[in-house]
Amino acid sequence: MRNKFKDNISHLILSAPLLLLAFIFMGCPEPPEFENTPRIKFENLEFSTRQNEDQPNIVEDVLTLTIYFEDGDGDLGLSDRDQFAPFNQYNIPLNENNVLIFIGSQPNLPPYNPLDYFAVAEGDTVIVSTGGSNILVTADTFLIERNERYYNIFIKTFYQPPGEDEFIELKWEEAPYFQTFNGRFPILNTEDYSRPINGTLSYKLVSLGFRGLFRNYPMYIETYITDRAGNNSNIIQTETIQIAE
């Protein structure tokens, strides 16, 4: 895709509710030896609130997850330029006639939601480049397939409602939320060569509804990260915390 379609993609990325990051490297007198597959360990999970920068009357809920990481070749992180395969945000399926699959054009398509469809607004036009040809789309909605390699940190949240013995996953990508808290953290190895790195990474999940959903129920986060080669780290579970309503 190019031209206006790339602008739309940028808007989708910037509007994600979670991509606020901080990281600190831990200096070592001698280069450590780590596996090339990343390893992570839980450090901290903290809840806080803050005023929205653009609308000070809006109070945002913030879950800050801090993890320790180590990686043998340092290929952790994605830059703003990583928008093309294999790090493209989504793929575009075509039907048997090599035509875009528009909403309602086939049986058993999912209902409209912002994760499964790309909507072109009334009066707007995008050029979709796929299969060596360009397709002009004006004021319509077509099917997309999300690409997991677009993300490098993956998040699941679990909580325990009153009267329940087990924790329940709050599935953000399903109705009625249709969003994801998976995201990206930036390039951590700023050198031009492969090297072992380790340190801490803080990742913020921002919402307007954590207090209303989780209240004072026990909750925790499950997470893992992926390096640029596509190697998944171990999956870790945070400690259990409670968010006061």
Protein backbone atom coordinates (compact mmCIF):
# COMPACT_ATOMS: atom_id res chain seq x y z
CA MET A 1 0.00 0.00 0.00
CA ARG A 2 1.20 3.57 -0.53
CA ASN A 3 0.16 7.19 -0.52
CA LYS A 4 -2.97 7.81 1.54
CA PHE A 5 -3.21 4.20 2.69
CA LYS A 6 0.14 4.56 4.44
CA ASP A 7 -1.19 7.64 6.21
CA ASN A 8 -4.14 5.61 7.44
CA ILE A 9 -1.81 2.92 8.74
CA SER A 10 0.18 5.54 10.65
CA HIS A 11 -3.02 6.77 12.27
CA LEU A 12 -3.89 3.25 13.36
CA ILE A 13 -0.51 2.82 14.96
CA LEU A 14 -0.58 6.15 16.78
CA SER A 15 -4.06 5.57 18.09
CA ALA A 16 -3.12 2.31 19.83
CA PRO A 17 -3.89 2.74 23.55
CA LEU A 18 -0.73 1.29 24.99
CA LEU A 19 2.53 2.20 23.29
CA LEU A 20 4.27 4.10 26.06
CA LEU A 21 7.65 2.63 26.87
CA ALA A 22 10.74 3.03 29.02
CA PHE A 23 13.82 0.83 29.27
CA ILE A 24 17.08 0.80 31.22
CA PHE A 25 20.17 -1.20 30.34
CA MET A 26 22.14 -2.87 33.10
CA GLY A 27 25.84 -2.39 32.54
CA CYS A 28 28.18 -5.39 32.90
CA PRO A 29 32.00 -5.30 33.17
CA GLU A 30 32.28 -8.25 30.78
CA PRO A 31 29.90 -9.30 28.00
CA PRO A 32 27.50 -11.91 29.44
CA GLU A 33 26.61 -15.11 27.61
CA PHE A 34 22.91 -15.60 26.82
CA GLU A 35 20.91 -17.76 24.45
CA ASN A 36 19.83 -16.07 21.20
CA THR A 37 16.22 -16.81 22.14
CA PRO A 38 15.21 -14.05 24.57
CA ARG A 39 14.47 -14.78 28.20
CA ILE A 40 12.34 -12.62 30.49
CA LYS A 41 11.54 -12.47 34.20
CA PHE A 42 8.84 -10.58 36.09
CA GLU A 43 9.96 -7.47 37.96
CA ASN A 44 6.89 -5.41 38.89
CA LEU A 45 3.23 -4.65 38.11
CA GLU A 46 1.80 -1.35 39.34
CA PHE A 47 -1.51 0.47 38.89
CA SER A 48 -1.80 4.26 38.76
CA THR A 49 -3.96 7.02 37.28
CA ARG A 50 -3.03 10.12 35.34
CA GLN A 51 -4.61 13.02 33.52
CA ASN A 52 -4.85 12.79 29.75
CA GLU A 53 -2.31 15.17 28.20
CA ASP A 54 -4.77 16.54 25.63
CA GLN A 55 -7.89 16.49 27.81
CA PRO A 56 -6.97 17.14 31.45
CA ASN A 57 -10.54 16.43 32.62
CA ILE A 58 -10.13 12.78 31.55
CA VAL A 59 -8.42 10.45 34.03
CA GLU A 60 -6.65 7.45 32.49
CA ASP A 61 -5.97 4.12 34.21
CA VAL A 62 -2.40 2.87 33.79
CA LEU A 63 -0.97 -0.59 34.41
CA THR A 64 2.83 -0.48 34.30
CA LEU A 65 4.48 -3.83 33.67
CA THR A 66 8.23 -4.08 34.27
CA ILE A 67 10.18 -7.13 33.13
CA TYR A 68 13.83 -8.13 33.07
CA PHE A 69 15.13 -9.32 29.68
CA GLU A 70 18.24 -10.90 28.26
CA ASP A 71 19.14 -11.84 24.69
CA GLY A 72 22.32 -13.34 23.24
CA ASP A 73 22.46 -11.47 19.91
CA GLY A 74 20.59 -8.31 20.90
CA ASP A 75 17.99 -8.42 18.12
CA LEU A 76 15.20 -7.00 20.27
CA GLY A 77 12.88 -4.16 19.30
CA LEU A 78 11.21 -2.65 16.25
CA SER A 79 11.61 0.82 14.78
CA ASP A 80 9.02 3.10 13.17
CA ARG A 81 10.46 2.04 9.80
CA ASP A 82 9.55 -1.61 10.39
CA GLN A 83 6.21 -1.49 8.56
CA PHE A 84 6.94 -3.95 5.76
CA ALA A 85 7.11 -7.77 5.70
CA PRO A 86 7.65 -9.56 7.95
CA PHE A 87 6.66 -6.71 10.30
CA ASN A 88 3.67 -5.39 8.34
CA GLN A 89 0.59 -4.64 10.42
CA TYR A 90 -1.72 -6.91 8.45
CA ASN A 91 -2.13 -8.93 5.26
CA ILE A 92 -4.95 -8.54 2.75
CA PRO A 93 -6.72 -11.74 1.67
CA LEU A 94 -8.25 -11.99 -1.81
CA ASN A 95 -11.09 -14.15 -3.07
CA GLU A 96 -10.80 -16.76 -5.85
CA ASN A 97 -10.96 -13.97 -8.42
CA ASN A 98 -8.10 -12.06 -6.81
CA VAL A 99 -10.48 -9.37 -5.59
CA LEU A 100 -10.65 -7.80 -2.16
CA ILE A 101 -13.14 -9.41 0.19
CA PHE A 102 -15.62 -6.68 1.06
CA ILE A 103 -17.81 -6.84 4.13
CA GLY A 104 -21.01 -8.78 3.43
CA SER A 105 -19.71 -10.18 0.12
CA GLN A 106 -19.38 -13.76 1.43
CA PRO A 107 -21.24 -15.90 3.95
CA ASN A 108 -19.64 -16.51 7.34
CA LEU A 109 -17.59 -13.32 7.32
CA PRO A 110 -17.17 -11.76 10.77
CA PRO A 111 -19.36 -8.78 11.63
CA TYR A 112 -17.70 -5.41 11.33
CA ASN A 113 -15.02 -4.65 13.89
CA PRO A 114 -11.83 -2.56 13.66
CA LEU A 115 -9.53 -5.58 14.04
CA ASP A 116 -10.86 -7.61 11.08
CA TYR A 117 -11.71 -4.86 8.61
CA PHE A 118 -10.21 -1.74 7.06
CA ALA A 119 -12.85 0.94 6.52
CA VAL A 120 -12.44 3.63 3.86
CA ALA A 121 -14.49 6.66 4.90
CA GLU A 122 -17.06 8.38 2.69
CA GLY A 123 -15.27 10.73 0.31
CA ASP A 124 -11.92 9.04 0.92
CA THR A 125 -9.90 6.84 -1.45
CA VAL A 126 -7.03 4.44 -0.89
CA ILE A 127 -4.80 2.47 -3.24
CA VAL A 128 -4.28 -1.13 -2.17
CA SER A 129 -1.22 -2.80 -3.70
CA THR A 130 -1.42 -6.58 -3.62
CA GLY A 131 -0.44 -9.44 -5.90
CA GLY A 132 1.45 -7.11 -8.23
CA SER A 133 -1.61 -4.96 -8.97
CA ASN A 134 -3.15 -1.81 -7.53
CA ILE A 135 -6.78 -1.74 -6.42
CA LEU A 136 -8.59 1.56 -5.96
CA VAL A 137 -11.05 1.52 -3.05
CA THR A 138 -13.52 4.33 -2.39
CA ALA A 139 -15.86 4.44 0.62
CA ASP A 140 -15.97 0.73 1.35
CA THR A 141 -14.83 -1.81 3.97
CA PHE A 142 -12.66 -4.84 3.22
CA LEU A 143 -11.31 -7.81 5.16
CA ILE A 144 -7.79 -7.80 6.60
CA GLU A 145 -5.73 -10.42 8.42
CA ARG A 146 -3.69 -9.24 11.39
CA ASN A 147 0.00 -10.17 11.35
CA GLU A 148 1.37 -11.21 14.76
CA ARG A 149 4.93 -10.33 13.69
CA TYR A 150 3.86 -6.68 13.73
CA TYR A 151 4.05 -6.88 17.55
CA ASN A 152 6.96 -7.84 19.79
CA ILE A 153 5.26 -7.88 23.20
CA PHE A 154 2.10 -9.88 23.86
CA ILE A 155 -0.35 -9.29 26.69
CA LYS A 156 -3.17 -11.25 28.30
CA THR A 157 -5.06 -10.11 31.40
CA PHE A 158 -6.79 -12.36 33.93
CA TYR A 159 -9.05 -11.58 36.89
CA GLN A 160 -11.00 -13.46 39.57
CA PRO A 161 -14.62 -12.28 40.04
CA PRO A 162 -16.35 -12.84 43.39
CA GLY A 163 -17.49 -16.43 43.89
CA GLU A 164 -15.13 -17.85 41.26
CA ASP A 165 -12.37 -20.31 42.14
CA GLU A 166 -10.45 -19.78 38.90
CA PHE A 167 -9.08 -16.71 37.15
CA ILE A 168 -10.87 -15.68 33.93
CA GLU A 169 -9.14 -14.16 30.90
CA LEU A 170 -10.58 -10.83 29.81
CA LYS A 171 -10.43 -11.29 26.03
CA TRP A 172 -9.89 -7.78 24.73
CA GLU A 173 -9.91 -8.77 21.05
CA GLU A 174 -13.47 -10.11 21.23
CA ALA A 175 -16.80 -8.29 21.58
CA PRO A 176 -17.51 -5.77 22.95
CA TYR A 177 -13.94 -4.39 23.12
CA PHE A 178 -12.29 -5.29 19.78
CA GLN A 179 -8.87 -3.98 20.76
CA THR A 180 -5.49 -5.40 21.64
CA PHE A 181 -2.92 -4.63 24.30
CA ASN A 182 -0.20 -6.33 22.28
CA GLY A 183 2.32 -3.73 21.20
CA ARG A 184 5.82 -2.74 20.22
CA PHE A 185 8.91 -1.66 22.09
CA PRO A 186 11.78 0.12 20.28
CA ILE A 187 15.19 -1.12 19.21
CA LEU A 188 17.18 -1.95 22.34
CA ASN A 189 20.57 -2.66 20.75
CA THR A 190 21.71 0.67 19.29
CA GLU A 191 25.03 -0.69 18.04
CA ASP A 192 25.58 -1.86 14.45
CA TYR A 193 26.65 -5.36 15.47
CA SER A 194 25.24 -8.38 17.24
CA ARG A 195 25.92 -8.42 20.97
CA PRO A 196 24.37 -9.79 24.16
CA ILE A 197 22.09 -7.35 25.99
CA ASN A 198 20.12 -7.41 29.21
CA GLY A 199 18.17 -4.90 31.25
CA THR A 200 14.65 -3.91 32.25
CA LEU A 201 11.73 -2.91 30.07
CA SER A 202 8.67 -1.03 31.37
CA TYR A 203 5.51 -1.28 29.31
CA LYS A 204 2.37 0.77 30.01
CA LEU A 205 -1.18 -0.40 29.34
CA VAL A 206 -3.46 2.65 29.23
CA SER A 207 -7.26 2.53 29.41
CA LEU A 208 -10.28 4.44 30.68
CA GLY A 209 -11.88 1.31 32.10
CA PHE A 210 -9.51 -0.79 34.21
CA ARG A 211 -11.06 0.33 37.51
CA GLY A 212 -14.57 -0.34 36.23
CA LEU A 213 -13.71 -3.79 34.87
CA PHE A 214 -11.29 -5.17 37.43
CA ARG A 215 -12.50 -3.19 40.48
CA ASN A 216 -10.92 -4.73 43.55
CA TYR A 217 -10.83 -8.21 42.03
CA PRO A 218 -7.46 -10.00 42.05
CA MET A 219 -5.86 -9.72 38.59
CA TYR A 220 -2.59 -10.51 36.84
CA ILE A 221 -0.94 -10.24 33.43
CA GLU A 222 0.60 -12.98 31.28
CA THR A 223 3.22 -11.85 28.76
CA TYR A 224 6.06 -12.83 26.44
CA ILE A 225 8.26 -11.01 23.91
CA THR A 226 9.56 -11.83 20.43
CA ASP A 227 12.89 -10.93 18.82
CA ARG A 228 13.38 -9.73 15.25
CA ALA A 229 14.12 -13.27 14.07
CA GLY A 230 10.71 -14.41 15.34
CA ASN A 231 11.95 -16.28 18.40
CA ASN A 232 9.47 -16.21 21.27
CA SER A 233 10.67 -15.81 24.82
CA ASN A 234 9.37 -17.80 27.75
CA ILE A 235 5.87 -16.88 28.96
CA ILE A 236 5.72 -15.30 32.41
CA GLN A 237 2.94 -14.46 34.81
CA THR A 238 3.02 -11.37 37.01
CA GLU A 239 2.16 -11.24 40.66
CA THR A 240 -1.52 -10.79 41.54
CA ILE A 241 -2.64 -7.26 42.37
CA GLN A 242 -5.95 -5.57 43.15
CA ILE A 243 -7.16 -2.30 41.63
CA ALA A 244 -9.32 -0.22 43.95
CA GLU A 245 -12.55 0.98 42.28
